[in-house]
Amino acid sequence: MTNDAYALVYPMLAMFLWTFLILLRNVQVRVSAVLKGQLSNEYFELFRGAEPSEVILKTGNPLRNLMEMPPLSYIAALAIML
């Protein structure tokens, strides 16, 4: 394996860490909203009940976007490295 193949490791690691940080922020915002009584746990189980606040939507949409395409790019990058 050449050194050029390992050049993909750092961008993959950065994307993984960014996704993990967004996931942690998403969990923090959702748990905070439930503990404050702004939103019931039923919303996250069945998507019923009160509408989520703008903060929940702002943290949920980027996470959804990060979970759609990057896993495919991880697979492609690993295939290129091999």
PDB file of N, CA and C in Angstrom:
ATOM      1  N   MET A   1       0.850  -1.175   0.000  1.00  0.00           N
ATOM      2  CA  MET A   1       0.000   0.000   0.000  1.00  0.00           C
ATOM      3  C   MET A   1       0.896   1.238   0.000  1.00  0.00           C
ATOM      4  N   THR A   2       0.571   2.183  -0.813  1.00  0.00           N
ATOM      5  CA  THR A   2       1.401   3.384  -0.932  1.00  0.00           C
ATOM      6  C   THR A   2       0.992   4.423   0.109  1.00  0.00           C
ATOM      7  N   ASN A   3       1.843   5.409   0.269  1.00  0.00           N
ATOM      8  CA  ASN A   3       1.541   6.500   1.204  1.00  0.00           C
ATOM      9  C   ASN A   3       0.365   7.341   0.736  1.00  0.00           C
ATOM     10  N   ASP A   4       0.122   7.367  -0.573  1.00  0.00           N
ATOM     11  CA  ASP A   4      -1.015   8.128  -1.105  1.00  0.00           C
ATOM     12  C   ASP A   4      -2.341   7.560  -0.605  1.00  0.00           C
ATOM     13  N   ALA A   5      -2.408   6.257  -0.436  1.00  0.00           N
ATOM     14  CA  ALA A   5      -3.638   5.637   0.047  1.00  0.00           C
ATOM     15  C   ALA A   5      -3.939   6.073   1.475  1.00  0.00           C
ATOM     16  N   TYR A   6      -2.900   6.268   2.280  1.00  0.00           N
ATOM     17  CA  TYR A   6      -3.112   6.688   3.662  1.00  0.00           C
ATOM     18  C   TYR A   6      -3.502   8.157   3.773  1.00  0.00           C
ATOM     19  N   ALA A   7      -3.408   8.908   2.705  1.00  0.00           N
ATOM     20  CA  ALA A   7      -3.798  10.315   2.719  1.00  0.00           C
ATOM     21  C   ALA A   7      -5.294  10.481   2.979  1.00  0.00           C
ATOM     22  N   LEU A   8      -6.062   9.436   2.771  1.00  0.00           N
ATOM     23  CA  LEU A   8      -7.512   9.503   3.006  1.00  0.00           C
ATOM     24  C   LEU A   8      -7.878   9.303   4.476  1.00  0.00           C
ATOM     25  N   VAL A   9      -6.944   8.835   5.274  1.00  0.00           N
ATOM     26  CA  VAL A   9      -7.263   8.528   6.668  1.00  0.00           C
ATOM     27  C   VAL A   9      -7.637   9.791   7.445  1.00  0.00           C
ATOM     28  N   TYR A  10      -6.879  10.862   7.282  1.00  0.00           N
ATOM     29  CA  TYR A  10      -7.147  12.082   8.056  1.00  0.00           C
ATOM     30  C   TYR A  10      -8.476  12.746   7.697  1.00  0.00           C
ATOM     31  N   PRO A  11      -8.823  12.872   6.427  1.00  0.00           N
ATOM     32  CA  PRO A  11     -10.159  13.419   6.131  1.00  0.00           C
ATOM     33  C   PRO A  11     -11.294  12.523   6.643  1.00  0.00           C
ATOM     34  N   MET A  12     -11.096  11.210   6.570  1.00  0.00           N
ATOM     35  CA  MET A  12     -12.118  10.295   7.094  1.00  0.00           C
ATOM     36  C   MET A  12     -12.255  10.455   8.602  1.00  0.00           C
ATOM     37  N   LEU A  13     -11.133  10.578   9.296  1.00  0.00           N
ATOM     38  CA  LEU A  13     -11.154  10.761  10.742  1.00  0.00           C
ATOM     39  C   LEU A  13     -11.823  12.082  11.119  1.00  0.00           C
ATOM     40  N   ALA A  14     -11.522  13.132  10.373  1.00  0.00           N
ATOM     41  CA  ALA A  14     -12.142  14.433  10.636  1.00  0.00           C
ATOM     42  C   ALA A  14     -13.660  14.361  10.452  1.00  0.00           C
ATOM     43  N   MET A  15     -14.107  13.707   9.407  1.00  0.00           N
ATOM     44  CA  MET A  15     -15.546  13.584   9.156  1.00  0.00           C
ATOM     45  C   MET A  15     -16.216  12.746  10.245  1.00  0.00           C
ATOM     46  N   PHE A  16     -15.545  11.686  10.661  1.00  0.00           N
ATOM     47  CA  PHE A  16     -16.088  10.846  11.726  1.00  0.00           C
ATOM     48  C   PHE A  16     -16.209  11.634  13.027  1.00  0.00           C
ATOM     49  N   LEU A  17     -15.166  12.374  13.385  1.00  0.00           N
ATOM     50  CA  LEU A  17     -15.207  13.167  14.615  1.00  0.00           C
ATOM     51  C   LEU A  17     -16.265  14.264  14.542  1.00  0.00           C
ATOM     52  N   TRP A  18     -16.400  14.921  13.398  1.00  0.00           N
ATOM     53  CA  TRP A  18     -17.429  15.952  13.236  1.00  0.00           C
ATOM     54  C   TRP A  18     -18.829  15.352  13.400  1.00  0.00           C
ATOM     55  N   THR A  19     -19.055  14.196  12.804  1.00  0.00           N
ATOM     56  CA  THR A  19     -20.349  13.527  12.934  1.00  0.00           C
ATOM     57  C   THR A  19     -20.620  13.173  14.389  1.00  0.00           C
ATOM     58  N   PHE A  20     -19.604  12.679  15.088  1.00  0.00           N
ATOM     59  CA  PHE A  20     -19.760  12.317  16.490  1.00  0.00           C
ATOM     60  C   PHE A  20     -20.079  13.540  17.343  1.00  0.00           C
ATOM     61  N   LEU A  21     -19.431  14.681  17.078  1.00  0.00           N
ATOM     62  CA  LEU A  21     -19.717  15.897  17.829  1.00  0.00           C
ATOM     63  C   LEU A  21     -21.134  16.399  17.585  1.00  0.00           C
ATOM     64  N   ILE A  22     -21.588  16.335  16.349  1.00  0.00           N
ATOM     65  CA  ILE A  22     -22.960  16.738  16.030  1.00  0.00           C
ATOM     66  C   ILE A  22     -23.953  15.797  16.715  1.00  0.00           C
ATOM     67  N   LEU A  23     -23.639  14.511  16.763  1.00  0.00           N
ATOM     68  CA  LEU A  23     -24.491  13.535  17.450  1.00  0.00           C
ATOM     69  C   LEU A  23     -24.582  13.862  18.943  1.00  0.00           C
ATOM     70  N   LEU A  24     -23.455  14.159  19.568  1.00  0.00           N
ATOM     71  CA  LEU A  24     -23.461  14.508  20.992  1.00  0.00           C
ATOM     72  C   LEU A  24     -24.279  15.765  21.254  1.00  0.00           C
ATOM     73  N   ARG A  25     -24.143  16.761  20.397  1.00  0.00           N
ATOM     74  CA  ARG A  25     -24.916  17.999  20.552  1.00  0.00           C
ATOM     75  C   ARG A  25     -26.412  17.732  20.399  1.00  0.00           C
ATOM     76  N   ASN A  26     -26.758  16.867  19.464  1.00  0.00           N
ATOM     77  CA  ASN A  26     -28.147  16.502  19.229  1.00  0.00           C
ATOM     78  C   ASN A  26     -28.737  15.830  20.472  1.00  0.00           C
ATOM     79  N   VAL A  27     -27.996  14.906  21.048  1.00  0.00           N
ATOM     80  CA  VAL A  27     -28.462  14.220  22.258  1.00  0.00           C
ATOM     81  C   VAL A  27     -28.610  15.219  23.397  1.00  0.00           C
ATOM     82  N   GLN A  28     -27.649  16.110  23.549  1.00  0.00           N
ATOM     83  CA  GLN A  28     -27.698  17.111  24.604  1.00  0.00           C
ATOM     84  C   GLN A  28     -28.949  17.992  24.481  1.00  0.00           C
ATOM     85  N   VAL A  29     -29.248  18.454  23.298  1.00  0.00           N
ATOM     86  CA  VAL A  29     -30.400  19.329  23.085  1.00  0.00           C
ATOM     87  C   VAL A  29     -31.701  18.576  23.344  1.00  0.00           C
ATOM     88  N   ARG A  30     -31.792  17.343  22.874  1.00  0.00           N
ATOM     89  CA  ARG A  30     -33.026  16.573  23.058  1.00  0.00           C
ATOM     90  C   ARG A  30     -33.270  16.219  24.520  1.00  0.00           C
ATOM     91  N   VAL A  31     -32.240  15.775  25.211  1.00  0.00           N
ATOM     92  CA  VAL A  31     -32.398  15.434  26.629  1.00  0.00           C
ATOM     93  C   VAL A  31     -32.759  16.683  27.427  1.00  0.00           C
ATOM     94  N   SER A  32     -32.124  17.789  27.122  1.00  0.00           N
ATOM     95  CA  SER A  32     -32.436  19.041  27.802  1.00  0.00           C
ATOM     96  C   SER A  32     -33.888  19.442  27.591  1.00  0.00           C
ATOM     97  N   ALA A  33     -34.382  19.306  26.378  1.00  0.00           N
ATOM     98  CA  ALA A  33     -35.777  19.669  26.087  1.00  0.00           C
ATOM     99  C   ALA A  33     -36.751  18.769  26.841  1.00  0.00           C
ATOM    100  N   VAL A  34     -36.448  17.491  26.945  1.00  0.00           N
ATOM    101  CA  VAL A  34     -37.330  16.572  27.661  1.00  0.00           C
ATOM    102  C   VAL A  34     -37.288  16.863  29.159  1.00  0.00           C
ATOM    103  N   LEU A  35     -36.090  17.098  29.711  1.00  0.00           N
ATOM    104  CA  LEU A  35     -35.979  17.374  31.142  1.00  0.00           C
ATOM    105  C   LEU A  35     -36.639  18.686  31.540  1.00  0.00           C
ATOM    106  N   LYS A  36     -36.617  19.671  30.650  1.00  0.00           N
ATOM    107  CA  LYS A  36     -37.256  20.964  30.922  1.00  0.00           C
ATOM    108  C   LYS A  36     -38.762  20.912  30.703  1.00  0.00           C
ATOM    109  N   GLY A  37     -39.258  19.826  30.138  1.00  0.00           N
ATOM    110  CA  GLY A  37     -40.687  19.697  29.890  1.00  0.00           C
ATOM    111  C   GLY A  37     -41.158  20.390  28.625  1.00  0.00           C
ATOM    112  N   GLN A  38     -40.227  20.839  27.793  1.00  0.00           N
ATOM    113  CA  GLN A  38     -40.594  21.496  26.547  1.00  0.00           C
ATOM    114  C   GLN A  38     -41.123  20.506  25.520  1.00  0.00           C
ATOM    115  N   LEU A  39     -40.738  19.275  25.655  1.00  0.00           N
ATOM    116  CA  LEU A  39     -41.116  18.239  24.705  1.00  0.00           C
ATOM    117  C   LEU A  39     -41.214  16.920  25.454  1.00  0.00           C
ATOM    118  N   SER A  40     -42.199  16.127  25.087  1.00  0.00           N
ATOM    119  CA  SER A  40     -42.348  14.845  25.772  1.00  0.00           C
ATOM    120  C   SER A  40     -41.498  13.778  25.080  1.00  0.00           C
ATOM    121  N   ASN A  41     -41.201  12.743  25.809  1.00  0.00           N
ATOM    122  CA  ASN A  41     -40.431  11.627  25.268  1.00  0.00           C
ATOM    123  C   ASN A  41     -41.219  10.921  24.160  1.00  0.00           C
ATOM    124  N   GLU A  42     -42.550  11.051  24.199  1.00  0.00           N
ATOM    125  CA  GLU A  42     -43.403  10.417  23.190  1.00  0.00           C
ATOM    126  C   GLU A  42     -43.097  10.948  21.790  1.00  0.00           C
ATOM    127  N   TYR A  43     -42.681  12.194  21.696  1.00  0.00           N
ATOM    128  CA  TYR A  43     -42.366  12.749  20.376  1.00  0.00           C
ATOM    129  C   TYR A  43     -41.229  11.968  19.725  1.00  0.00           C
ATOM    130  N   PHE A  44     -40.220  11.633  20.485  1.00  0.00           N
ATOM    131  CA  PHE A  44     -39.068  10.938  19.927  1.00  0.00           C
ATOM    132  C   PHE A  44     -39.345   9.460  19.683  1.00  0.00           C
ATOM    133  N   GLU A  45     -40.337   8.906  20.373  1.00  0.00           N
ATOM    134  CA  GLU A  45     -40.695   7.508  20.164  1.00  0.00           C
ATOM    135  C   GLU A  45     -41.643   7.335  18.983  1.00  0.00           C
ATOM    136  N   LEU A  46     -42.676   8.174  18.925  1.00  0.00           N
ATOM    137  CA  LEU A  46     -43.735   7.996  17.933  1.00  0.00           C
ATOM    138  C   LEU A  46     -43.937   9.204  17.019  1.00  0.00           C
ATOM    139  N   PHE A  47     -43.176  10.262  17.229  1.00  0.00           N
ATOM    140  CA  PHE A  47     -43.329  11.511  16.479  1.00  0.00           C
ATOM    141  C   PHE A  47     -44.744  12.057  16.618  1.00  0.00           C
ATOM    142  N   ARG A  48     -45.265  11.975  17.827  1.00  0.00           N
ATOM    143  CA  ARG A  48     -46.571  12.537  18.163  1.00  0.00           C
ATOM    144  C   ARG A  48     -46.401  13.520  19.296  1.00  0.00           C
ATOM    145  N   GLY A  49     -47.311  14.450  19.384  1.00  0.00           N
ATOM    146  CA  GLY A  49     -47.273  15.419  20.472  1.00  0.00           C
ATOM    147  C   GLY A  49     -46.923  16.797  19.961  1.00  0.00           C
ATOM    148  N   ALA A  50     -46.379  17.593  20.856  1.00  0.00           N
ATOM    149  CA  ALA A  50     -46.043  18.980  20.518  1.00  0.00           C
ATOM    150  C   ALA A  50     -44.939  19.033  19.468  1.00  0.00           C
ATOM    151  N   GLU A  51     -44.947  20.113  18.717  1.00  0.00           N
ATOM    152  CA  GLU A  51     -43.900  20.314  17.712  1.00  0.00           C
ATOM    153  C   GLU A  51     -42.576  20.623  18.414  1.00  0.00           C
ATOM    154  N   PRO A  52     -41.487  20.112  17.886  1.00  0.00           N
ATOM    155  CA  PRO A  52     -40.187  20.396  18.512  1.00  0.00           C
ATOM    156  C   PRO A  52     -39.783  21.854  18.304  1.00  0.00           C
ATOM    157  N   SER A  53     -38.922  22.320  19.181  1.00  0.00           N
ATOM    158  CA  SER A  53     -38.475  23.710  19.073  1.00  0.00           C
ATOM    159  C   SER A  53     -37.510  23.864  17.898  1.00  0.00           C
ATOM    160  N   GLU A  54     -37.207  25.100  17.601  1.00  0.00           N
ATOM    161  CA  GLU A  54     -36.310  25.402  16.485  1.00  0.00           C
ATOM    162  C   GLU A  54     -34.899  24.852  16.734  1.00  0.00           C
ATOM    163  N   VAL A  55     -34.466  24.853  17.986  1.00  0.00           N
ATOM    164  CA  VAL A  55     -33.134  24.344  18.325  1.00  0.00           C
ATOM    165  C   VAL A  55     -33.035  22.854  18.019  1.00  0.00           C
ATOM    166  N   ILE A  56     -34.077  22.113  18.309  1.00  0.00           N
ATOM    167  CA  ILE A  56     -34.069  20.675  18.040  1.00  0.00           C
ATOM    168  C   ILE A  56     -34.011  20.423  16.541  1.00  0.00           C
ATOM    169  N   LEU A  57     -34.754  21.199  15.783  1.00  0.00           N
ATOM    170  CA  LEU A  57     -34.722  21.050  14.329  1.00  0.00           C
ATOM    171  C   LEU A  57     -33.365  21.438  13.761  1.00  0.00           C
ATOM    172  N   LYS A  58     -32.767  22.499  14.317  1.00  0.00           N
ATOM    173  CA  LYS A  58     -31.461  22.955  13.826  1.00  0.00           C
ATOM    174  C   LYS A  58     -30.355  21.948  14.109  1.00  0.00           C
ATOM    175  N   THR A  59     -30.474  21.177  15.174  1.00  0.00           N
ATOM    176  CA  THR A  59     -29.454  20.175  15.453  1.00  0.00           C
ATOM    177  C   THR A  59     -29.776  18.833  14.804  1.00  0.00           C
ATOM    178  N   GLY A  60     -31.044  18.578  14.544  1.00  0.00           N
ATOM    179  CA  GLY A  60     -31.437  17.298  13.948  1.00  0.00           C
ATOM    180  C   GLY A  60     -31.193  17.217  12.455  1.00  0.00           C
ATOM    181  N   ASN A  61     -31.405  18.320  11.749  1.00  0.00           N
ATOM    182  CA  ASN A  61     -31.229  18.300  10.295  1.00  0.00           C
ATOM    183  C   ASN A  61     -29.786  18.057   9.862  1.00  0.00           C
ATOM    184  N   PRO A  62     -28.800  18.713  10.457  1.00  0.00           N
ATOM    185  CA  PRO A  62     -27.422  18.403  10.059  1.00  0.00           C
ATOM    186  C   PRO A  62     -27.031  16.961  10.365  1.00  0.00           C
ATOM    187  N   LEU A  63     -27.524  16.430  11.474  1.00  0.00           N
ATOM    188  CA  LEU A  63     -27.218  15.034  11.804  1.00  0.00           C
ATOM    189  C   LEU A  63     -27.820  14.092  10.765  1.00  0.00           C
ATOM    190  N   ARG A  64     -29.039  14.377  10.361  1.00  0.00           N
ATOM    191  CA  ARG A  64     -29.686  13.557   9.336  1.00  0.00           C
ATOM    192  C   ARG A  64     -28.881  13.602   8.034  1.00  0.00           C
ATOM    193  N   ASN A  65     -28.408  14.785   7.675  1.00  0.00           N
ATOM    194  CA  ASN A  65     -27.600  14.917   6.462  1.00  0.00           C
ATOM    195  C   ASN A  65     -26.282  14.166   6.585  1.00  0.00           C
ATOM    196  N   LEU A  66     -25.669  14.212   7.765  1.00  0.00           N
ATOM    197  CA  LEU A  66     -24.396  13.525   7.968  1.00  0.00           C
ATOM    198  C   LEU A  66     -24.554  12.007   7.975  1.00  0.00           C
ATOM    199  N   MET A  67     -25.747  11.514   8.231  1.00  0.00           N
ATOM    200  CA  MET A  67     -25.965  10.063   8.264  1.00  0.00           C
ATOM    201  C   MET A  67     -26.410   9.505   6.912  1.00  0.00           C
ATOM    202  N   GLU A  68     -26.677  10.353   5.942  1.00  0.00           N
ATOM    203  CA  GLU A  68     -27.137   9.860   4.647  1.00  0.00           C
ATOM    204  C   GLU A  68     -25.989   9.480   3.718  1.00  0.00           C
ATOM    205  N   MET A  69     -25.111  10.395   3.423  1.00  0.00           N
ATOM    206  CA  MET A  69     -24.094  10.163   2.411  1.00  0.00           C
ATOM    207  C   MET A  69     -22.731   9.732   2.942  1.00  0.00           C
ATOM    208  N   PRO A  70     -22.219  10.267   4.032  1.00  0.00           N
ATOM    209  CA  PRO A  70     -20.874   9.911   4.479  1.00  0.00           C
ATOM    210  C   PRO A  70     -20.610   8.424   4.694  1.00  0.00           C
ATOM    211  N   PRO A  71     -21.545   7.615   5.184  1.00  0.00           N
ATOM    212  CA  PRO A  71     -21.215   6.190   5.290  1.00  0.00           C
ATOM    213  C   PRO A  71     -20.823   5.573   3.943  1.00  0.00           C
ATOM    214  N   LEU A  72     -21.449   6.012   2.876  1.00  0.00           N
ATOM    215  CA  LEU A  72     -21.058   5.510   1.556  1.00  0.00           C
ATOM    216  C   LEU A  72     -19.662   6.000   1.179  1.00  0.00           C
ATOM    217  N   SER A  73     -19.334   7.238   1.570  1.00  0.00           N
ATOM    218  CA  SER A  73     -17.996   7.741   1.251  1.00  0.00           C
ATOM    219  C   SER A  73     -16.937   7.031   2.094  1.00  0.00           C
ATOM    220  N   TYR A  74     -17.271   6.622   3.324  1.00  0.00           N
ATOM    221  CA  TYR A  74     -16.334   5.836   4.123  1.00  0.00           C
ATOM    222  C   TYR A  74     -16.035   4.510   3.433  1.00  0.00           C
ATOM    223  N   ILE A  75     -17.064   3.862   2.925  1.00  0.00           N
ATOM    224  CA  ILE A  75     -16.885   2.576   2.247  1.00  0.00           C
ATOM    225  C   ILE A  75     -16.041   2.762   0.991  1.00  0.00           C
ATOM    226  N   ALA A  76     -16.336   3.805   0.225  1.00  0.00           N
ATOM    227  CA  ALA A  76     -15.551   4.054  -0.984  1.00  0.00           C
ATOM    228  C   ALA A  76     -14.102   4.365  -0.660  1.00  0.00           C
ATOM    229  N   ALA A  77     -13.855   5.144   0.371  1.00  0.00           N
ATOM    230  CA  ALA A  77     -12.481   5.482   0.753  1.00  0.00           C
ATOM    231  C   ALA A  77     -11.724   4.245   1.231  1.00  0.00           C
ATOM    232  N   LEU A  78     -12.387   3.397   2.004  1.00  0.00           N
ATOM    233  CA  LEU A  78     -11.727   2.162   2.437  1.00  0.00           C
ATOM    234  C   LEU A  78     -11.414   1.261   1.257  1.00  0.00           C
ATOM    235  N   ALA A  79     -12.312   1.199   0.289  1.00  0.00           N
ATOM    236  CA  ALA A  79     -12.049   0.389  -0.908  1.00  0.00           C
ATOM    237  C   ALA A  79     -10.876   0.947  -1.692  1.00  0.00           C
ATOM    238  N   ILE A  80     -10.773   2.259  -1.783  1.00  0.00           N
ATOM    239  CA  ILE A  80      -9.649   2.881  -2.495  1.00  0.00           C
ATOM    240  C   ILE A  80      -8.347   2.584  -1.769  1.00  0.00           C
ATOM    241  N   MET A  81      -8.371   2.647  -0.431  1.00  0.00           N
ATOM    242  CA  MET A  81      -7.144   2.401   0.324  1.00  0.00           C
ATOM    243  C   MET A  81      -6.685   0.949   0.213  1.00  0.00           C
ATOM    244  N   LEU A  82      -7.647   0.057   0.086  1.00  0.00           N
ATOM    245  CA  LEU A  82      -7.255  -1.359  -0.043  1.00  0.00           C
ATOM    246  C   LEU A  82      -6.767  -1.642  -1.433  1.00  0.00           C
TER     247      LEU A  82
END
